[in-house]
N, C-alpha and C. Protein backbone atom coordinates (compact mmCIF):
# COMPACT_ATOMS: atom_id res chain seq x y z
N MET A 1 0.80 -1.16 0.12
CA MET A 1 0.25 -0.13 -0.19
C MET A 1 0.86 1.07 0.25
N PHE A 2 0.88 2.05 -1.14
CA PHE A 2 1.36 3.43 -1.04
C PHE A 2 0.59 4.21 -0.17
N ILE A 3 1.54 5.18 0.63
CA ILE A 3 0.94 5.82 1.50
C ILE A 3 2.01 7.29 1.52
N GLU A 4 1.54 8.29 1.68
CA GLU A 4 2.37 9.53 1.45
C GLU A 4 2.54 10.21 2.94
N ILE A 5 3.42 10.43 3.45
CA ILE A 5 3.68 11.26 4.78
C ILE A 5 4.08 12.30 4.55
N ARG A 6 3.28 13.57 5.09
CA ARG A 6 3.53 14.93 4.67
C ARG A 6 2.83 15.52 6.27
N PRO A 7 3.31 17.15 6.26
CA PRO A 7 3.00 18.12 7.42
C PRO A 7 1.80 17.96 7.58
N VAL A 8 1.05 18.02 8.64
CA VAL A 8 -0.27 18.35 8.33
C VAL A 8 -0.52 19.95 8.06
N ASN A 9 -1.65 20.45 7.85
CA ASN A 9 -2.15 21.70 8.02
C ASN A 9 -3.53 21.86 8.21
N VAL A 10 -3.81 23.34 9.18
CA VAL A 10 -5.38 23.08 9.86
C VAL A 10 -6.51 22.61 8.78
N ASN A 11 -6.32 22.59 7.69
CA ASN A 11 -7.05 22.14 6.69
C ASN A 11 -7.68 20.51 7.09
N ASP A 12 -6.43 19.64 7.54
CA ASP A 12 -6.78 18.47 8.02
C ASP A 12 -7.50 18.28 8.76
N ALA A 13 -8.10 19.06 9.72
CA ALA A 13 -8.40 18.83 11.18
C ALA A 13 -9.51 17.93 11.49
N GLN A 14 -10.42 18.38 10.29
CA GLN A 14 -12.07 17.24 10.21
C GLN A 14 -11.50 15.81 10.37
N ASP A 15 -10.68 15.52 9.46
CA ASP A 15 -10.24 14.00 8.91
C ASP A 15 -9.62 13.71 10.12
N ILE A 16 -8.96 14.30 10.95
CA ILE A 16 -8.01 14.06 11.78
C ILE A 16 -8.93 13.42 13.02
N LEU A 17 -9.67 14.56 13.39
CA LEU A 17 -10.48 14.37 14.12
C LEU A 17 -11.35 13.09 14.19
N ASN A 18 -11.88 12.87 12.96
CA ASN A 18 -12.93 11.60 12.76
C ASN A 18 -12.00 10.36 12.94
N ILE A 19 -10.69 10.46 12.94
CA ILE A 19 -9.72 9.18 13.27
C ILE A 19 -10.35 9.19 14.89
N TYR A 20 -9.76 10.11 15.64
CA TYR A 20 -9.42 10.60 17.02
C TYR A 20 -11.02 10.24 17.53
N GLN A 21 -11.87 10.58 17.01
CA GLN A 21 -13.30 10.57 17.57
C GLN A 21 -13.55 9.03 17.77
N TYR A 22 -13.05 8.15 17.15
CA TYR A 22 -13.68 6.93 17.62
C TYR A 22 -12.78 6.48 18.66
N TYR A 23 -11.41 6.86 18.96
CA TYR A 23 -10.93 6.51 19.95
C TYR A 23 -11.21 6.87 21.47
N ILE A 24 -11.66 8.16 21.32
CA ILE A 24 -12.43 8.81 22.64
C ILE A 24 -13.37 8.37 22.91
N ILE A 25 -14.86 7.84 21.97
CA ILE A 25 -16.08 7.52 22.07
C ILE A 25 -16.20 5.66 22.24
N ASN A 26 -14.85 5.42 21.91
CA ASN A 26 -15.00 3.50 22.06
C ASN A 26 -13.92 3.01 22.95
N THR A 27 -12.81 3.84 23.09
CA THR A 27 -11.60 3.01 23.76
C THR A 27 -11.45 4.28 25.34
N THR A 28 -10.12 3.39 26.00
CA THR A 28 -9.55 4.20 27.12
C THR A 28 -8.28 4.27 26.29
N ILE A 29 -7.75 4.20 25.34
CA ILE A 29 -6.55 4.47 24.53
C ILE A 29 -6.16 6.04 24.72
N THR A 30 -7.20 6.90 24.56
CA THR A 30 -7.02 8.59 24.97
C THR A 30 -7.87 8.60 26.48
N PHE A 31 -7.59 9.49 27.62
CA PHE A 31 -8.14 9.55 28.59
C PHE A 31 -9.37 10.91 28.45
N GLU A 32 -9.23 11.49 27.30
CA GLU A 32 -10.09 12.43 26.76
C GLU A 32 -11.73 11.84 26.75
N TYR A 33 -12.67 12.34 27.22
CA TYR A 33 -13.85 12.03 27.56
C TYR A 33 -14.85 12.53 26.18
N ASP A 34 -14.67 13.89 25.65
CA ASP A 34 -15.48 14.50 25.11
C ASP A 34 -14.81 14.58 23.64
N VAL A 35 -15.62 14.35 22.27
CA VAL A 35 -14.72 14.56 21.06
C VAL A 35 -14.83 16.52 20.67
N PRO A 36 -13.26 16.99 21.12
CA PRO A 36 -13.31 18.16 21.06
C PRO A 36 -14.05 18.96 19.65
N THR A 37 -14.50 19.88 19.34
CA THR A 37 -15.03 21.01 18.40
C THR A 37 -13.74 21.07 17.23
N LEU A 38 -14.32 21.19 16.10
CA LEU A 38 -13.35 21.44 15.41
C LEU A 38 -12.42 22.73 15.57
N SER A 39 -13.27 23.82 15.98
CA SER A 39 -12.32 24.86 15.98
C SER A 39 -11.22 24.86 17.26
N SER A 40 -11.67 23.75 18.27
CA SER A 40 -10.42 23.70 19.09
C SER A 40 -9.40 22.56 18.89
N PHE A 41 -9.81 21.62 17.79
CA PHE A 41 -8.90 20.58 17.50
C PHE A 41 -8.04 21.39 16.72
N GLN A 42 -8.53 22.55 15.85
CA GLN A 42 -7.88 23.27 14.80
C GLN A 42 -6.94 24.08 15.72
N GLU A 43 -7.09 24.86 16.50
CA GLU A 43 -6.28 25.40 17.48
C GLU A 43 -5.22 24.63 18.33
N ARG A 44 -5.25 23.49 18.38
CA ARG A 44 -4.34 22.42 18.99
C ARG A 44 -3.15 22.18 18.11
N ILE A 45 -3.98 21.94 16.29
CA ILE A 45 -2.76 21.64 15.23
C ILE A 45 -1.95 22.95 15.56
N LYS A 46 -2.46 24.12 15.57
CA LYS A 46 -1.90 25.56 14.84
C LYS A 46 -1.03 25.70 16.18
N ASN A 47 -1.35 25.11 17.74
CA ASN A 47 -0.34 25.33 18.69
C ASN A 47 0.85 24.41 18.77
N ILE A 48 0.58 23.13 18.09
CA ILE A 48 1.51 22.05 18.47
C ILE A 48 2.01 22.51 17.09
N THR A 49 2.16 22.63 16.27
CA THR A 49 3.03 22.84 15.13
C THR A 49 3.87 24.31 14.75
N LYS A 50 3.56 25.00 15.96
CA LYS A 50 4.19 26.23 16.22
C LYS A 50 5.85 25.67 16.67
N ASN A 51 6.49 24.80 16.98
CA ASN A 51 7.16 24.13 17.32
C ASN A 51 7.46 22.95 17.47
N TYR A 52 6.39 22.12 16.87
CA TYR A 52 6.59 20.25 16.92
C TYR A 52 6.38 19.85 15.56
N PRO A 53 6.67 18.79 14.93
CA PRO A 53 6.34 18.69 14.09
C PRO A 53 5.06 17.38 13.98
N TYR A 54 4.39 17.82 12.99
CA TYR A 54 2.83 17.04 13.09
C TYR A 54 2.55 16.28 11.57
N PHE A 55 2.38 14.86 11.17
CA PHE A 55 2.45 14.24 10.04
C PHE A 55 1.24 13.64 9.81
N VAL A 56 0.81 13.87 8.89
CA VAL A 56 -0.63 12.67 8.52
C VAL A 56 0.06 11.74 7.51
N ALA A 57 -0.54 10.81 7.55
CA ALA A 57 -0.52 9.37 6.28
C ALA A 57 -2.13 9.61 5.68
N VAL A 58 -1.44 9.77 4.12
CA VAL A 58 -2.36 9.79 3.19
C VAL A 58 -1.94 8.68 1.83
N HIS A 59 -3.73 8.08 2.03
CA HIS A 59 -3.55 6.84 1.35
C HIS A 59 -4.76 6.76 0.35
N GLN A 60 -4.43 7.29 -1.02
CA GLN A 60 -5.62 7.45 -2.26
C GLN A 60 -6.62 8.36 -1.90
N GLY A 61 -5.74 9.93 -1.34
CA GLY A 61 -6.40 11.22 -0.94
C GLY A 61 -6.78 10.90 0.17
N LYS A 62 -7.21 10.00 1.22
CA LYS A 62 -7.54 9.93 2.58
C LYS A 62 -6.78 9.86 3.71
N ILE A 63 -6.79 10.64 4.41
CA ILE A 63 -6.13 10.58 5.68
C ILE A 63 -6.62 9.57 6.66
N ILE A 64 -5.26 8.43 6.78
CA ILE A 64 -5.77 7.49 7.54
C ILE A 64 -4.94 7.29 8.68
N GLY A 65 -4.41 8.51 9.14
CA GLY A 65 -3.37 8.22 10.48
C GLY A 65 -2.53 9.31 10.93
N TYR A 66 -2.03 9.56 11.93
CA TYR A 66 -1.43 10.74 12.06
C TYR A 66 -0.64 10.56 13.42
N ALA A 67 0.68 11.53 13.63
CA ALA A 67 1.94 11.44 14.28
C ALA A 67 2.02 12.84 14.87
N TYR A 68 2.56 13.00 15.69
CA TYR A 68 2.95 14.15 16.32
C TYR A 68 3.80 14.31 17.57
N SER A 69 4.33 15.52 17.75
CA SER A 69 5.27 15.41 19.42
C SER A 69 4.65 16.86 19.44
N ASN A 70 4.99 16.68 21.30
CA ASN A 70 4.62 17.96 22.21
C ASN A 70 5.32 17.88 23.19
N ARG A 71 5.20 19.13 23.42
CA ARG A 71 6.40 19.45 24.92
C ARG A 71 5.94 18.39 25.89
N PHE A 72 7.42 17.67 26.33
CA PHE A 72 7.17 16.90 27.37
C PHE A 72 7.03 17.78 28.88
N LYS A 73 7.43 18.41 29.33
CA LYS A 73 7.29 19.05 30.71
C LYS A 73 7.87 20.57 30.31
N GLU A 74 7.67 21.37 31.36
CA GLU A 74 7.55 22.56 31.29
C GLU A 74 8.84 23.43 31.52
N ARG A 75 9.38 22.98 32.63
CA ARG A 75 11.03 23.05 32.92
C ARG A 75 11.72 23.34 31.91
N LYS A 76 12.70 23.91 31.90
CA LYS A 76 13.75 24.27 30.96
C LYS A 76 14.84 23.32 30.83
N ALA A 77 14.73 22.19 31.30
CA ALA A 77 15.84 21.12 31.52
C ALA A 77 15.34 19.97 30.53
N PHE A 78 14.11 20.08 30.37
CA PHE A 78 12.96 19.05 29.39
C PHE A 78 13.39 19.37 28.07
N ASP A 79 13.81 20.53 27.65
CA ASP A 79 13.70 21.30 26.41
C ASP A 79 14.31 20.20 25.13
N TRP A 80 14.80 19.21 25.60
CA TRP A 80 15.53 18.20 24.88
C TRP A 80 14.73 16.65 24.76
N SER A 81 13.59 16.57 25.54
CA SER A 81 12.72 15.82 25.45
C SER A 81 11.30 15.95 24.86
N CYS A 82 10.47 15.28 24.10
CA CYS A 82 9.13 15.52 24.02
C CYS A 82 8.17 14.38 23.95
N GLU A 83 7.11 14.60 23.89
CA GLU A 83 6.27 13.28 24.02
C GLU A 83 5.54 13.50 22.67
N VAL A 84 5.44 11.92 22.21
CA VAL A 84 5.08 11.52 20.85
C VAL A 84 3.60 10.97 21.23
N SER A 85 2.66 11.16 20.08
CA SER A 85 1.69 10.54 20.21
C SER A 85 1.25 10.00 18.81
N ILE A 86 0.48 8.88 18.35
CA ILE A 86 0.19 8.34 17.32
C ILE A 86 -1.25 7.74 17.38
N TYR A 87 -1.98 8.22 15.96
CA TYR A 87 -3.16 7.49 15.70
C TYR A 87 -3.39 6.79 14.42
N VAL A 88 -4.01 6.24 14.21
CA VAL A 88 -4.20 5.18 13.27
C VAL A 88 -5.62 5.06 12.68
N ASP A 89 -6.31 5.17 11.67
CA ASP A 89 -7.58 5.09 11.27
C ASP A 89 -7.94 3.31 11.49
N LYS A 90 -8.93 2.80 12.24
CA LYS A 90 -9.04 1.54 13.23
C LYS A 90 -9.10 0.56 11.77
N ASN A 91 -9.82 1.12 10.70
CA ASN A 91 -9.60 0.29 9.53
C ASN A 91 -8.28 0.00 8.72
N TYR A 92 -7.30 0.85 9.18
CA TYR A 92 -5.75 0.60 8.47
C TYR A 92 -4.92 0.24 9.64
N GLN A 93 -5.02 -0.36 10.48
CA GLN A 93 -4.00 -0.76 11.48
C GLN A 93 -3.39 -2.14 11.46
N HIS A 94 -2.37 -2.17 11.85
CA HIS A 94 -1.26 -3.63 11.33
C HIS A 94 -1.32 -3.83 10.06
N GLN A 95 -1.06 -2.36 9.24
CA GLN A 95 -0.66 -2.51 7.66
C GLN A 95 0.39 -1.72 7.44
N GLY A 96 1.40 -1.36 8.64
CA GLY A 96 2.65 -0.34 8.18
C GLY A 96 2.33 1.18 8.44
N VAL A 97 1.28 1.81 8.68
CA VAL A 97 1.47 2.98 8.40
C VAL A 97 1.63 3.48 9.92
N GLY A 98 1.13 3.23 10.80
CA GLY A 98 2.16 3.59 12.11
C GLY A 98 3.52 3.68 11.93
N LYS A 99 4.06 2.54 11.49
CA LYS A 99 5.35 2.60 11.49
C LYS A 99 6.00 3.60 10.78
N GLN A 100 5.36 4.14 9.27
CA GLN A 100 6.06 4.91 8.59
C GLN A 100 6.10 6.36 8.96
N LEU A 101 4.66 6.57 9.59
CA LEU A 101 4.21 7.58 10.58
C LEU A 101 5.57 7.87 11.42
N TYR A 102 5.56 7.08 12.30
CA TYR A 102 6.55 7.32 13.36
C TYR A 102 8.11 7.39 12.78
N GLN A 103 8.54 7.04 11.90
CA GLN A 103 9.79 6.93 11.31
C GLN A 103 9.98 8.00 10.75
N LYS A 104 8.60 8.70 10.05
CA LYS A 104 9.20 10.20 9.47
C LYS A 104 9.40 11.19 11.06
N LEU A 105 8.67 10.83 11.70
CA LEU A 105 8.30 11.63 13.18
C LEU A 105 9.74 11.93 13.66
N PHE A 106 10.25 10.55 13.95
CA PHE A 106 11.83 10.45 14.64
C PHE A 106 12.89 11.22 13.92
N THR A 107 12.56 10.86 12.56
CA THR A 107 13.80 11.71 11.40
C THR A 107 13.84 12.67 11.76
N VAL A 108 12.72 13.72 11.87
CA VAL A 108 12.47 15.04 11.72
C VAL A 108 12.72 15.73 13.30
N LEU A 109 12.39 14.57 14.28
CA LEU A 109 12.62 14.83 15.69
C LEU A 109 14.28 15.09 15.74
N LYS A 110 15.17 14.15 15.64
CA LYS A 110 16.46 14.18 15.58
C LYS A 110 17.03 15.33 14.62
N GLU A 111 16.31 15.76 13.70
CA GLU A 111 17.25 16.60 12.80
C GLU A 111 17.05 18.05 14.14
N LEU A 112 16.03 18.30 14.77
CA LEU A 112 15.71 19.08 15.59
C LEU A 112 16.30 19.34 16.62
N ASN A 113 16.95 18.07 16.82
CA ASN A 113 18.00 17.71 18.21
C ASN A 113 17.42 17.46 19.10
N TYR A 114 16.12 16.59 19.15
CA TYR A 114 15.93 16.24 20.39
C TYR A 114 16.52 15.02 20.82
N HIS A 115 16.53 14.63 22.21
CA HIS A 115 17.16 13.85 22.37
C HIS A 115 16.14 12.39 22.89
N SER A 116 15.26 12.48 23.76
CA SER A 116 14.49 11.62 24.08
C SER A 116 12.93 11.59 23.87
N LEU A 117 12.29 11.01 23.63
CA LEU A 117 10.91 10.64 23.33
C LEU A 117 10.31 10.14 24.41
N PHE A 118 9.06 10.12 24.37
CA PHE A 118 8.37 9.79 25.61
C PHE A 118 6.56 9.23 24.88
N ALA A 119 6.50 8.04 25.04
CA ALA A 119 5.07 7.94 24.65
C ALA A 119 4.10 7.47 26.38
N PHE A 120 2.86 7.89 26.24
CA PHE A 120 2.34 7.44 27.42
C PHE A 120 1.06 6.93 26.75
N ILE A 121 1.26 5.24 27.37
CA ILE A 121 -0.03 4.45 26.80
C ILE A 121 -0.76 3.72 27.99
N THR A 122 -2.08 3.66 27.75
CA THR A 122 -2.82 3.15 28.66
C THR A 122 -2.40 1.60 28.73
N TYR A 123 -2.73 1.22 30.24
CA TYR A 123 -1.79 -0.29 30.22
C TYR A 123 -3.14 -1.25 30.87
N PRO A 124 -3.30 -2.25 30.31
CA PRO A 124 -2.76 -2.94 29.45
C PRO A 124 -3.19 -2.41 27.89
N ASN A 125 -2.44 -2.26 27.04
CA ASN A 125 -2.36 -2.11 25.29
C ASN A 125 -1.65 -2.95 24.59
N LEU A 126 -1.74 -3.97 24.54
CA LEU A 126 -0.88 -4.87 24.34
C LEU A 126 -0.32 -4.47 22.99
N SER A 127 -1.27 -4.03 22.17
CA SER A 127 -0.57 -3.89 20.60
C SER A 127 -0.10 -2.60 20.62
N SER A 128 -0.33 -1.48 21.04
CA SER A 128 0.55 -0.30 21.30
C SER A 128 1.75 -0.67 22.08
N GLU A 129 1.69 -1.36 23.06
CA GLU A 129 3.21 -1.73 23.49
C GLU A 129 3.83 -2.71 22.59
N LYS A 130 3.75 -3.38 22.09
CA LYS A 130 4.60 -4.07 21.24
C LYS A 130 4.63 -3.37 20.05
N PHE A 131 4.07 -2.21 19.22
CA PHE A 131 4.50 -1.71 18.41
C PHE A 131 5.54 -0.47 18.86
N HIS A 132 5.49 -0.11 20.18
CA HIS A 132 6.19 0.84 20.47
C HIS A 132 8.03 0.01 20.59
N TYR A 133 7.40 -0.97 21.16
CA TYR A 133 8.76 -1.82 21.67
C TYR A 133 9.55 -2.05 20.36
N SER A 134 8.73 -2.82 19.37
CA SER A 134 9.40 -2.84 18.07
C SER A 134 10.22 -1.76 17.71
N LEU A 135 9.86 -0.32 17.96
CA LEU A 135 10.68 0.73 17.44
C LEU A 135 11.85 1.11 18.27
N GLY A 136 11.92 0.03 19.27
CA GLY A 136 13.20 0.50 20.27
C GLY A 136 12.61 1.21 21.24
N PHE A 137 11.28 1.61 21.48
CA PHE A 137 11.22 2.07 23.23
C PHE A 137 11.11 0.98 24.07
N LYS A 138 11.72 1.72 25.30
CA LYS A 138 11.79 0.79 26.50
C LYS A 138 10.85 1.15 27.60
N ARG A 139 9.93 0.60 28.28
CA ARG A 139 9.61 0.73 29.64
C ARG A 139 10.21 1.64 30.53
N VAL A 140 9.85 2.76 31.23
CA VAL A 140 10.78 3.58 32.31
C VAL A 140 9.44 3.74 33.27
N GLY A 141 8.45 3.73 33.17
CA GLY A 141 7.45 4.37 34.36
C GLY A 141 6.31 3.58 34.06
N TYR A 142 5.17 3.47 35.37
CA TYR A 142 4.17 3.06 35.51
C TYR A 142 3.45 3.64 36.76
N TYR A 143 2.20 4.16 36.23
CA TYR A 143 1.32 4.34 37.20
C TYR A 143 -0.27 4.07 37.34
N PRO A 144 -0.18 3.60 38.46
CA PRO A 144 -1.35 2.50 38.68
C PRO A 144 -2.47 3.81 38.49
N LYS A 145 -3.52 3.01 38.21
CA LYS A 145 -4.95 4.13 38.56
C LYS A 145 -4.59 5.30 38.36
N ALA A 146 -4.21 6.06 36.93
CA ALA A 146 -3.68 7.16 36.33
C ALA A 146 -4.63 7.86 35.97
N GLY A 147 -6.07 7.06 35.24
CA GLY A 147 -7.10 7.40 34.80
C GLY A 147 -8.26 7.18 35.25
N TYR A 148 -9.61 7.68 34.71
CA TYR A 148 -10.71 6.82 35.27
C TYR A 148 -11.53 6.73 34.04
N LYS A 149 -12.22 6.07 33.30
CA LYS A 149 -12.82 6.37 32.16
C LYS A 149 -13.85 5.11 31.91
N PHE A 150 -14.92 5.32 31.58
CA PHE A 150 -15.78 4.18 31.41
C PHE A 150 -16.01 3.44 32.58
N ASN A 151 -15.92 3.90 33.75
CA ASN A 151 -16.27 3.28 35.06
C ASN A 151 -15.32 2.22 35.63
N GLN A 152 -13.80 2.49 35.09
CA GLN A 152 -13.04 1.74 35.34
C GLN A 152 -11.70 2.37 35.63
N TRP A 153 -11.03 2.36 36.59
CA TRP A 153 -9.41 2.71 36.45
C TRP A 153 -8.37 2.03 35.50
N CYS A 154 -7.71 3.20 35.15
CA CYS A 154 -6.96 2.44 34.05
C CYS A 154 -5.53 2.86 34.67
N ASP A 155 -4.53 2.41 34.10
CA ASP A 155 -3.13 2.41 34.59
C ASP A 155 -2.42 3.12 33.15
N LEU A 156 -1.50 3.52 33.79
CA LEU A 156 -0.54 4.24 32.33
C LEU A 156 1.43 3.78 32.30
N ILE A 157 1.36 3.46 31.51
CA ILE A 157 2.78 3.34 31.40
C ILE A 157 3.71 4.13 30.74
N VAL A 158 4.98 4.41 30.69
CA VAL A 158 5.63 5.51 30.05
C VAL A 158 6.92 4.72 29.23
N LEU A 159 6.98 5.08 28.16
CA LEU A 159 8.09 4.38 27.22
C LEU A 159 8.86 5.38 26.40
N GLU A 160 10.28 5.49 26.72
CA GLU A 160 11.34 6.01 26.54
C GLU A 160 12.15 5.23 25.41
N LYS A 161 12.37 6.59 24.18
CA LYS A 161 13.66 6.05 23.06
C LYS A 161 14.55 7.47 22.87
N ASN A 162 15.50 6.89 22.86
CA ASN A 162 16.90 8.10 22.79
C ASN A 162 16.90 7.95 21.29
N ILE A 163 16.72 9.11 20.89
CA ILE A 163 17.31 9.27 19.13
C ILE A 163 18.68 9.53 18.87
N GLN A 164 19.11 10.24 19.60
CA GLN A 164 20.50 10.81 19.23
C GLN A 164 21.72 9.77 19.66
N ASP A 165 22.57 10.00 18.72
CA ASP A 165 23.87 8.74 18.98
C ASP A 165 24.79 9.52 19.69
N VAL A 166 24.81 10.87 19.92
CA VAL A 166 26.11 11.06 20.66
C VAL A 166 24.90 11.90 22.33
N ASN A 167 26.04 12.49 23.02
CA ASN A 167 25.36 13.17 24.45
C ASN A 167 25.64 14.84 23.88
N GLU A 168 25.90 14.94 22.63
CA GLU A 168 26.15 16.46 22.85
C GLU A 168 24.57 16.94 22.80
N VAL A 169 24.43 18.58 23.47
CA VAL A 169 23.58 18.89 23.84
C VAL A 169 23.94 20.35 22.49
N LEU A 170 22.69 20.20 21.45
CA LEU A 170 22.54 21.23 20.40
C LEU A 170 21.39 22.00 20.94
N ASN A 171 20.80 22.88 20.41
CA ASN A 171 20.20 23.90 20.30
C ASN A 171 18.89 23.42 19.51
N ILE A 172 17.61 23.04 20.33
CA ILE A 172 16.52 22.93 19.49
C ILE A 172 16.12 23.61 18.58
N ILE A 173 15.74 23.16 17.32
CA ILE A 173 15.35 23.93 16.07
C ILE A 173 13.66 24.04 16.12
N PRO A 174 12.98 25.20 15.95
CA PRO A 174 11.70 24.75 16.20
C PRO A 174 10.92 24.25 14.36
N PHE A 175 10.39 23.60 15.09
CA PHE A 175 9.59 22.78 13.80
C PHE A 175 9.15 24.24 12.48
N THR A 176 8.86 25.45 12.44
CA THR A 176 8.80 26.10 11.56
C THR A 176 9.67 26.67 10.63
N GLU A 177 10.94 26.66 11.54
CA GLU A 177 12.49 26.99 10.65
C GLU A 177 12.65 25.77 10.28
N TRP A 178 12.67 24.68 10.89
CA TRP A 178 12.99 23.41 9.99
C TRP A 178 12.46 23.24 8.29
N GLU A 179 10.84 23.55 8.44
CA GLU A 179 9.90 23.13 7.67
C GLU A 179 10.33 24.41 6.76
N LYS A 180 10.69 25.47 6.82
CA LYS A 180 11.15 26.58 6.26
C LYS A 180 12.52 26.61 5.01
N ASP A 181 13.61 25.39 5.88
CA ASP A 181 14.74 25.17 5.27
C ASP A 181 14.41 24.29 4.01
N LYS A 182 13.33 23.33 4.49
CA LYS A 182 13.17 22.15 3.65
C LYS A 182 12.34 23.00 2.65
N GLN A 183 11.88 23.81 2.23
CA GLN A 183 10.93 24.13 1.04
C GLN A 183 12.06 24.71 -0.26
């Protein structure tokens, strides 16, 4: 299956929200209870893409998945780390879409000089765990009863992946600057 991976734009918000809505309504994969409005989701995209990469997977003109990174923590010392998230349309899972999205995201994050990536996953979620482990993530944290959804407590695990080959600390390049240089 041919998949195009490209940077998101705000006009993609409805298609992305359609994918995300399934996970909100039907799963504990996200701890979000209510489906965001289109305008609030567009704002999320705008805020994230000021500094962080956000990509969509397109197959035959249809967005079938997305992956993005975002701030890990507020303090300055955390600037070289970021959180990563990925969602694939339920009809396109286990077809390599997620792997292609994450590979693109990780390549760009490395070029932006990020060092550590963190993924927060509802536990148990065997499919997501296996997927992340296959891409080099390691479990570094466990939060019992971190969230409550669908009348049940949900645990959370934290997975980490180092993407730099050296310990040299380089200035982080905002995604918007990186994107301008690539045009």
